[in-house]
Structures are given as structure tokens and as C-alpha cells.
Amino acid sequence: MIDKFQHLVSELYSGVNALESMLPGRHFTPDGHMSGSIGECLVADAIATGKLSNFANTVTACQPNNGTCIVT
């Protein structure tokens, strides 16, 4: 599932770049709700697959390219 998820998110950002190139001066930044939902899904997957198993800690940052998270 995560591979398809990452592919679809990548397509979202490719679409944003294409729209901004087609319409100079307009911004198509993904909104906070969508960004938050994407983050929630990534963390849920990390927990489900055992990549993030310490619930007592807080995830402060994740690297989208390699899936590592900084836990404090």
C-alpha cells in the first residue's frame, strides 16, 4: 500500500508543479488539511508495519524520501 500511496502523493505534487508552470503567478499549494491527512496516513502505516512502535514518543519530523522519522 505504501508504494501506491507515495506514488499518488508524488502525482499530486507533479500536478501542482504543472499548474504553477501553466499559470505563472498562481500558487496551488496543498492545503493544511490534505497535508495533515497525508502525515496521519504515513504515521499509521509506520506504526502498523512496526517502523514506528514507541507510542510514548512524539514524531517531530519524517523524511519523505526514505521514510525515516525523528522521534523525540
C-alpha atoms as a PDB file:
ATOM      1  CA  MET A   1       0.000   0.000   0.000  1.00  0.00           C
ATOM      2  CA  ILE A   2       2.735   2.483   0.907  1.00  0.00           C
ATOM      3  CA  ASP A   3       4.296   2.333  -2.578  1.00  0.00           C
ATOM      4  CA  LYS A   4       0.983   3.248  -4.226  1.00  0.00           C
ATOM      5  CA  PHE A   5       0.395   5.930  -1.567  1.00  0.00           C
ATOM      6  CA  GLN A   6       3.803   7.506  -2.218  1.00  0.00           C
ATOM      7  CA  HIS A   7       3.191   7.371  -5.969  1.00  0.00           C
ATOM      8  CA  LEU A   8      -0.176   9.125  -5.651  1.00  0.00           C
ATOM      9  CA  VAL A   9       1.262  11.852  -3.392  1.00  0.00           C
ATOM     10  CA  SER A  10       4.064  12.350  -5.899  1.00  0.00           C
ATOM     11  CA  GLU A  11       1.445  12.740  -8.642  1.00  0.00           C
ATOM     12  CA  LEU A  12      -0.347  15.386  -6.549  1.00  0.00           C
ATOM     13  CA  TYR A  13       2.814  17.462  -6.322  1.00  0.00           C
ATOM     14  CA  SER A  14       3.572  16.924 -10.017  1.00  0.00           C
ATOM     15  CA  GLY A  15       0.116  18.292 -10.758  1.00  0.00           C
ATOM     16  CA  VAL A  16       0.782  21.307  -8.543  1.00  0.00           C
ATOM     17  CA  ASN A  17       4.040  21.987 -10.402  1.00  0.00           C
ATOM     18  CA  ALA A  18       2.315  21.637 -13.786  1.00  0.00           C
ATOM     19  CA  LEU A  19      -0.470  24.044 -12.795  1.00  0.00           C
ATOM     20  CA  GLU A  20       2.016  26.610 -11.473  1.00  0.00           C
ATOM     21  CA  SER A  21       4.046  26.354 -14.695  1.00  0.00           C
ATOM     22  CA  MET A  22       0.911  26.744 -16.813  1.00  0.00           C
ATOM     23  CA  LEU A  23      -0.382  29.702 -14.778  1.00  0.00           C
ATOM     24  CA  PRO A  24       2.591  31.843 -13.667  1.00  0.00           C
ATOM     25  CA  GLY A  25       1.963  33.820 -10.515  1.00  0.00           C
ATOM     26  CA  ARG A  26      -0.740  31.443  -9.252  1.00  0.00           C
ATOM     27  CA  HIS A  27       0.014  29.123  -6.364  1.00  0.00           C
ATOM     28  CA  PHE A  28      -1.564  25.710  -5.917  1.00  0.00           C
ATOM     29  CA  THR A  29      -0.060  24.789  -2.574  1.00  0.00           C
ATOM     30  CA  PRO A  30      -1.686  21.717  -0.997  1.00  0.00           C
ATOM     31  CA  ASP A  31      -3.684  22.897   1.998  1.00  0.00           C
ATOM     32  CA  GLY A  32      -3.092  22.072   5.637  1.00  0.00           C
ATOM     33  CA  HIS A  33      -5.951  19.593   5.836  1.00  0.00           C
ATOM     34  CA  MET A  34      -4.601  17.490   2.977  1.00  0.00           C
ATOM     35  CA  SER A  35      -1.028  17.690   4.293  1.00  0.00           C
ATOM     36  CA  GLY A  36      -2.220  16.630   7.749  1.00  0.00           C
ATOM     37  CA  SER A  37      -4.181  13.703   6.330  1.00  0.00           C
ATOM     38  CA  ILE A  38      -1.144  12.552   4.352  1.00  0.00           C
ATOM     39  CA  GLY A  39       1.002  12.728   7.501  1.00  0.00           C
ATOM     40  CA  GLU A  40      -1.562  10.812   9.549  1.00  0.00           C
ATOM     41  CA  CYS A  41      -1.658   8.035   6.959  1.00  0.00           C
ATOM     42  CA  LEU A  42       2.129   7.783   6.816  1.00  0.00           C
ATOM     43  CA  VAL A  43       2.408   7.550  10.608  1.00  0.00           C
ATOM     44  CA  ALA A  44      -0.417   4.998  10.771  1.00  0.00           C
ATOM     45  CA  ASP A  45       1.394   2.870   8.194  1.00  0.00           C
ATOM     46  CA  ALA A  46       4.686   3.209  10.085  1.00  0.00           C
ATOM     47  CA  ILE A  47       3.000   2.043  13.287  1.00  0.00           C
ATOM     48  CA  ALA A  48       1.194  -0.831  11.540  1.00  0.00           C
ATOM     49  CA  THR A  49       4.398  -2.096   9.909  1.00  0.00           C
ATOM     50  CA  GLY A  50       6.493  -1.775  13.060  1.00  0.00           C
ATOM     51  CA  LYS A  51       8.660   1.037  11.700  1.00  0.00           C
ATOM     52  CA  LEU A  52       7.360   3.282  14.479  1.00  0.00           C
ATOM     53  CA  SER A  53       6.466   1.321  17.563  1.00  0.00           C
ATOM     54  CA  ASN A  54       7.127   3.585  20.558  1.00  0.00           C
ATOM     55  CA  PHE A  55       3.794   5.295  21.264  1.00  0.00           C
ATOM     56  CA  ALA A  56       5.227   7.218  24.250  1.00  0.00           C
ATOM     57  CA  ASN A  57       7.400   9.346  21.975  1.00  0.00           C
ATOM     58  CA  THR A  58       6.419  12.128  19.602  1.00  0.00           C
ATOM     59  CA  VAL A  59       7.260  12.178  15.905  1.00  0.00           C
ATOM     60  CA  THR A  60       8.740  15.586  15.135  1.00  0.00           C
ATOM     61  CA  ALA A  61       9.824  15.085  11.515  1.00  0.00           C
ATOM     62  CA  CYS A  62       9.780  12.492   8.747  1.00  0.00           C
ATOM     63  CA  GLN A  63      11.944  12.284   5.656  1.00  0.00           C
ATOM     64  CA  PRO A  64       9.628  11.647   2.668  1.00  0.00           C
ATOM     65  CA  ASN A  65      12.356  10.081   0.501  1.00  0.00           C
ATOM     66  CA  ASN A  66      13.433   7.304   2.841  1.00  0.00           C
ATOM     67  CA  GLY A  67      10.610   7.100   5.381  1.00  0.00           C
ATOM     68  CA  THR A  68      12.739   7.695   8.480  1.00  0.00           C
ATOM     69  CA  CYS A  69      11.223   9.652  11.334  1.00  0.00           C
ATOM     70  CA  ILE A  70      12.832  11.736  14.079  1.00  0.00           C
ATOM     71  CA  VAL A  71      11.318  10.696  17.389  1.00  0.00           C
ATOM     72  CA  THR A  72      11.814  12.810  20.497  1.00  0.00           C
END
